[in-house]
Amino acid sequence: MSIGGMGYIVFAIIAVIAIPMMFPQVKWYYVILAYIFAPSLAFCNAYGAGLTDINMAYNYGKIGLFMMTTLAGKEQGVVAGMVDCGLVKSVVSVSCILMHDLKTGQLTLTSPRTMLLSQAIGTAIGCMVSP
């Protein structure tokens, strides 16, 4: 399994443990469902963004919101839906942003390896500067 796949699984496990502690309305299996469906939605979003330059991550997040709100029920649906919406949107949005960067790299004749490396460096700097 690749490093990216292993990282995704590790962070999914951390999210399955941490998110229900922060939001008791969100059950652990809601988080697992979000992490199972998000990669296929991310692929669709990246493919569509490559063709049209439109980021549909917010719309996919809304789909997650409606699904989890329905599953959680009347009492806990609002919080569960909002948390799941943020979870799905954050996973799906990353692939679209990377696709836009790779498309910009192609237009400027920059190698994909350089674009991917600069994306990783920018993400690492953002993790240190933002918090």
Protein backbone atom coordinates (compact mmCIF):
# COMPACT_ATOMS: atom_id res chain seq x y z
CA MET A 1 0.00 0.00 0.00
CA SER A 2 1.28 3.46 -0.80
CA ILE A 3 2.33 6.10 1.70
CA GLY A 4 -0.73 8.18 0.82
CA GLY A 5 -3.10 5.28 1.42
CA MET A 6 -1.49 4.45 4.75
CA GLY A 7 -1.64 8.10 5.80
CA TYR A 8 -5.31 8.25 4.86
CA ILE A 9 -6.05 5.18 6.97
CA VAL A 10 -4.06 6.50 9.96
CA PHE A 11 -5.83 9.87 9.88
CA ALA A 12 -9.19 8.14 9.41
CA ILE A 13 -8.55 6.10 12.56
CA ILE A 14 -7.59 9.26 14.45
CA ALA A 15 -10.76 10.97 13.20
CA VAL A 16 -12.94 7.99 14.17
CA ILE A 17 -11.59 8.30 17.71
CA ALA A 18 -11.42 12.10 18.05
CA ILE A 19 -14.56 13.39 16.30
CA PRO A 20 -17.09 11.46 18.43
CA MET A 21 -15.29 12.76 21.53
CA MET A 22 -15.63 16.36 20.34
CA PHE A 23 -19.17 15.96 19.02
CA PRO A 24 -21.14 13.31 20.94
CA GLN A 25 -23.97 13.49 18.39
CA VAL A 26 -21.66 12.05 15.73
CA LYS A 27 -21.33 8.29 16.07
CA TRP A 28 -18.08 6.58 15.13
CA TYR A 29 -19.69 4.72 12.24
CA TYR A 30 -20.82 8.04 10.67
CA VAL A 31 -17.17 9.03 10.44
CA ILE A 32 -16.25 5.66 8.93
CA LEU A 33 -19.00 6.05 6.32
CA ALA A 34 -17.71 9.50 5.41
CA TYR A 35 -14.15 8.23 5.04
CA ILE A 36 -15.31 5.28 2.92
CA PHE A 37 -17.32 7.38 0.44
CA ALA A 38 -15.03 10.43 0.29
CA PRO A 39 -12.27 8.98 -1.97
CA SER A 40 -14.70 8.09 -4.75
CA LEU A 41 -16.26 11.54 -4.51
CA ALA A 42 -12.77 13.07 -4.52
CA PHE A 43 -11.94 11.24 -7.74
CA CYS A 44 -15.14 12.46 -9.38
CA ASN A 45 -14.48 16.00 -8.19
CA ALA A 46 -10.87 16.00 -9.42
CA TYR A 47 -11.89 14.62 -12.80
CA GLY A 48 -14.64 17.21 -13.16
CA ALA A 49 -12.34 20.00 -12.03
CA GLY A 50 -9.76 18.94 -14.60
CA LEU A 51 -12.35 19.20 -17.35
CA THR A 52 -14.30 22.27 -16.28
CA ASP A 53 -12.29 24.22 -13.63
CA ILE A 54 -15.29 24.04 -11.29
CA ASN A 55 -14.82 22.88 -7.69
CA MET A 56 -17.87 20.84 -6.70
CA ALA A 57 -16.57 19.93 -3.21
CA TYR A 58 -19.21 22.05 -1.51
CA ASN A 59 -21.97 20.23 -3.36
CA TYR A 60 -20.54 16.85 -2.39
CA GLY A 61 -20.38 18.12 1.19
CA LYS A 62 -24.07 18.96 0.99
CA ILE A 63 -24.82 15.43 -0.15
CA GLY A 64 -22.97 14.17 2.92
CA LEU A 65 -24.89 16.62 5.07
CA PHE A 66 -28.26 15.35 3.86
CA MET A 67 -27.26 11.69 4.15
CA MET A 68 -25.91 11.96 7.69
CA THR A 69 -28.75 14.18 8.85
CA THR A 70 -31.17 11.52 7.65
CA LEU A 71 -29.22 8.73 9.34
CA ALA A 72 -28.79 10.59 12.64
CA GLY A 73 -32.46 11.41 13.04
CA LYS A 74 -34.41 14.32 14.42
CA GLU A 75 -32.54 14.91 17.70
CA GLN A 76 -28.91 14.74 16.61
CA GLY A 77 -29.17 15.28 12.88
CA VAL A 78 -28.10 18.90 12.64
CA VAL A 79 -24.74 18.51 14.37
CA ALA A 80 -24.01 15.14 12.75
CA GLY A 81 -24.83 16.52 9.31
CA MET A 82 -22.71 19.64 9.72
CA VAL A 83 -19.70 17.71 11.00
CA ASP A 84 -19.97 15.18 8.19
CA CYS A 85 -20.37 17.96 5.64
CA GLY A 86 -17.11 19.49 6.81
CA LEU A 87 -15.40 16.12 6.80
CA VAL A 88 -16.46 15.20 3.27
CA LYS A 89 -15.76 18.69 1.93
CA SER A 90 -12.26 18.78 3.37
CA VAL A 91 -11.34 15.39 1.89
CA VAL A 92 -12.90 16.09 -1.51
CA SER A 93 -11.53 19.63 -1.81
CA VAL A 94 -7.87 18.60 -1.55
CA SER A 95 -7.95 16.58 -4.77
CA CYS A 96 -9.54 19.46 -6.66
CA ILE A 97 -6.95 21.95 -5.43
CA LEU A 98 -4.15 19.59 -6.46
CA MET A 99 -5.76 19.13 -9.88
CA HIS A 100 -5.91 22.90 -10.37
CA ASP A 101 -2.24 23.19 -9.39
CA LEU A 102 -1.23 20.42 -11.80
CA LYS A 103 -3.24 22.06 -14.56
CA THR A 104 -1.49 25.37 -13.88
CA GLY A 105 1.83 23.53 -13.95
CA GLN A 106 1.00 22.11 -17.36
CA LEU A 107 0.15 25.56 -18.70
CA THR A 108 3.44 26.98 -17.39
CA LEU A 109 5.44 23.91 -18.56
CA THR A 110 6.42 22.97 -15.00
CA SER A 111 7.09 19.32 -14.25
CA PRO A 112 4.45 17.42 -12.25
CA ARG A 113 7.13 16.31 -9.77
CA THR A 114 8.01 19.93 -9.01
CA MET A 115 4.35 20.86 -8.60
CA LEU A 116 3.73 17.93 -6.22
CA LEU A 117 6.85 18.75 -4.19
CA SER A 118 5.90 22.43 -3.92
CA GLN A 119 2.38 21.39 -2.85
CA ALA A 120 3.87 19.22 -0.07
CA ILE A 121 6.21 22.00 1.07
CA GLY A 122 3.38 24.53 1.06
CA THR A 123 1.16 22.19 3.06
CA ALA A 124 3.91 21.63 5.64
CA ILE A 125 4.53 25.36 6.00
CA GLY A 126 0.78 25.99 6.28
CA CYS A 127 0.52 23.40 9.06
CA MET A 128 3.20 25.22 11.03
CA VAL A 129 2.16 28.81 10.36
CA SER A 130 -1.66 28.58 10.53
CA PRO A 131 -2.27 27.20 14.03
